[in-house]
């Protein structure tokens, strides 16, 4: 019983054929290529911001006045 269930499920996922394989490769190429183009665009403009200013602003203790002074 379980073997038939797994076999039918495997056939549903594996039975896409050549066109499904081409579609899978097309999706991978599209999303991977667009991410690469977007990365190269930001890299060329110098906007790959890896600075720590947003982190320090979010972690500022001015929002928590109940903390002791030595933790600030």
C-alpha atoms as a PDB file:
ATOM      1  CA  UNK A   1       0.000   0.000   0.000  1.00  0.00           C
ATOM      2  CA  UNK A   2       2.698   2.501   1.013  1.00  0.00           C
ATOM      3  CA  UNK A   3       4.891   1.475  -1.915  1.00  0.00           C
ATOM      4  CA  UNK A   4       2.094   2.331  -4.330  1.00  0.00           C
ATOM      5  CA  UNK A   5       1.550   5.687  -2.640  1.00  0.00           C
ATOM      6  CA  UNK A   6       5.240   6.579  -2.866  1.00  0.00           C
ATOM      7  CA  UNK A   7       5.459   5.305  -6.441  1.00  0.00           C
ATOM      8  CA  UNK A   8       2.505   7.407  -7.571  1.00  0.00           C
ATOM      9  CA  UNK A   9       3.883  10.479  -5.774  1.00  0.00           C
ATOM     10  CA  UNK A  10       7.300   9.960  -7.349  1.00  0.00           C
ATOM     11  CA  UNK A  11       5.689   9.630 -10.771  1.00  0.00           C
ATOM     12  CA  UNK A  12       3.790  12.881 -10.312  1.00  0.00           C
ATOM     13  CA  UNK A  13       6.955  14.779  -9.467  1.00  0.00           C
ATOM     14  CA  UNK A  14       9.210  12.965 -11.915  1.00  0.00           C
ATOM     15  CA  UNK A  15       6.800  12.702 -14.803  1.00  0.00           C
ATOM     16  CA  UNK A  16       7.251  16.239 -16.123  1.00  0.00           C
ATOM     17  CA  UNK A  17       9.263  15.147 -19.122  1.00  0.00           C
ATOM     18  CA  UNK A  18      11.580  17.180 -21.310  1.00  0.00           C
ATOM     19  CA  UNK A  19       9.464  20.334 -21.351  1.00  0.00           C
ATOM     20  CA  UNK A  20       9.307  20.420 -17.573  1.00  0.00           C
ATOM     21  CA  UNK A  21      13.067  19.997 -17.433  1.00  0.00           C
ATOM     22  CA  UNK A  22      13.527  22.863 -19.871  1.00  0.00           C
ATOM     23  CA  UNK A  23      11.145  24.995 -17.841  1.00  0.00           C
ATOM     24  CA  UNK A  24      13.103  24.225 -14.657  1.00  0.00           C
ATOM     25  CA  UNK A  25      16.360  25.247 -16.311  1.00  0.00           C
ATOM     26  CA  UNK A  26      14.705  28.385 -17.688  1.00  0.00           C
ATOM     27  CA  UNK A  27      13.502  29.406 -14.219  1.00  0.00           C
ATOM     28  CA  UNK A  28      16.936  28.787 -12.731  1.00  0.00           C
ATOM     29  CA  UNK A  29      18.618  30.768 -15.480  1.00  0.00           C
ATOM     30  CA  UNK A  30      16.122  33.631 -15.203  1.00  0.00           C
ATOM     31  CA  UNK A  31      16.267  34.040 -11.422  1.00  0.00           C
ATOM     32  CA  UNK A  32      19.999  33.369 -11.142  1.00  0.00           C
ATOM     33  CA  UNK A  33      20.783  35.692 -14.033  1.00  0.00           C
ATOM     34  CA  UNK A  34      18.582  38.478 -12.740  1.00  0.00           C
ATOM     35  CA  UNK A  35      20.184  38.221  -9.282  1.00  0.00           C
ATOM     36  CA  UNK A  36      23.634  38.378 -10.893  1.00  0.00           C
ATOM     37  CA  UNK A  37      22.681  41.408 -13.007  1.00  0.00           C
ATOM     38  CA  UNK A  38      21.227  43.162  -9.955  1.00  0.00           C
ATOM     39  CA  UNK A  39      24.378  42.406  -7.933  1.00  0.00           C
ATOM     40  CA  UNK A  40      26.673  43.695 -10.687  1.00  0.00           C
ATOM     41  CA  UNK A  41      24.542  46.841 -11.042  1.00  0.00           C
ATOM     42  CA  UNK A  42      24.779  47.621  -7.321  1.00  0.00           C
ATOM     43  CA  UNK A  43      28.487  46.771  -7.298  1.00  0.00           C
ATOM     44  CA  UNK A  44      29.188  49.161 -10.188  1.00  0.00           C
ATOM     45  CA  UNK A  45      27.265  51.991  -8.512  1.00  0.00           C
ATOM     46  CA  UNK A  46      29.059  51.343  -5.208  1.00  0.00           C
ATOM     47  CA  UNK A  47      25.863  50.682  -3.308  1.00  0.00           C
ATOM     48  CA  UNK A  48      26.750  47.360  -1.713  1.00  0.00           C
ATOM     49  CA  UNK A  49      26.368  48.915   1.705  1.00  0.00           C
ATOM     50  CA  UNK A  50      28.065  46.728   4.256  1.00  0.00           C
ATOM     51  CA  UNK A  51      28.440  49.445   6.876  1.00  0.00           C
ATOM     52  CA  UNK A  52      27.238  48.967  10.425  1.00  0.00           C
ATOM     53  CA  UNK A  53      25.282  52.211  10.862  1.00  0.00           C
ATOM     54  CA  UNK A  54      21.816  50.597  10.556  1.00  0.00           C
ATOM     55  CA  UNK A  55      22.817  47.897  13.031  1.00  0.00           C
ATOM     56  CA  UNK A  56      24.122  50.408  15.532  1.00  0.00           C
ATOM     57  CA  UNK A  57      21.016  52.541  15.153  1.00  0.00           C
ATOM     58  CA  UNK A  58      18.763  49.548  15.816  1.00  0.00           C
ATOM     59  CA  UNK A  59      20.844  48.472  18.789  1.00  0.00           C
ATOM     60  CA  UNK A  60      20.973  51.895  20.412  1.00  0.00           C
ATOM     61  CA  UNK A  61      19.992  51.891  24.068  1.00  0.00           C
ATOM     62  CA  UNK A  62      18.143  55.197  24.034  1.00  0.00           C
ATOM     63  CA  UNK A  63      14.912  53.290  23.438  1.00  0.00           C
ATOM     64  CA  UNK A  64      15.425  51.335  26.672  1.00  0.00           C
ATOM     65  CA  UNK A  65      15.864  53.773  29.577  1.00  0.00           C
ATOM     66  CA  UNK A  66      15.376  51.007  32.140  1.00  0.00           C
ATOM     67  CA  UNK A  67      18.770  49.461  31.334  1.00  0.00           C
ATOM     68  CA  UNK A  68      21.586  50.177  33.786  1.00  0.00           C
ATOM     69  CA  UNK A  69      24.166  52.750  32.748  1.00  0.00           C
ATOM     70  CA  UNK A  70      27.038  50.242  32.463  1.00  0.00           C
ATOM     71  CA  UNK A  71      25.163  48.328  29.744  1.00  0.00           C
ATOM     72  CA  UNK A  72      24.724  51.431  27.587  1.00  0.00           C
END
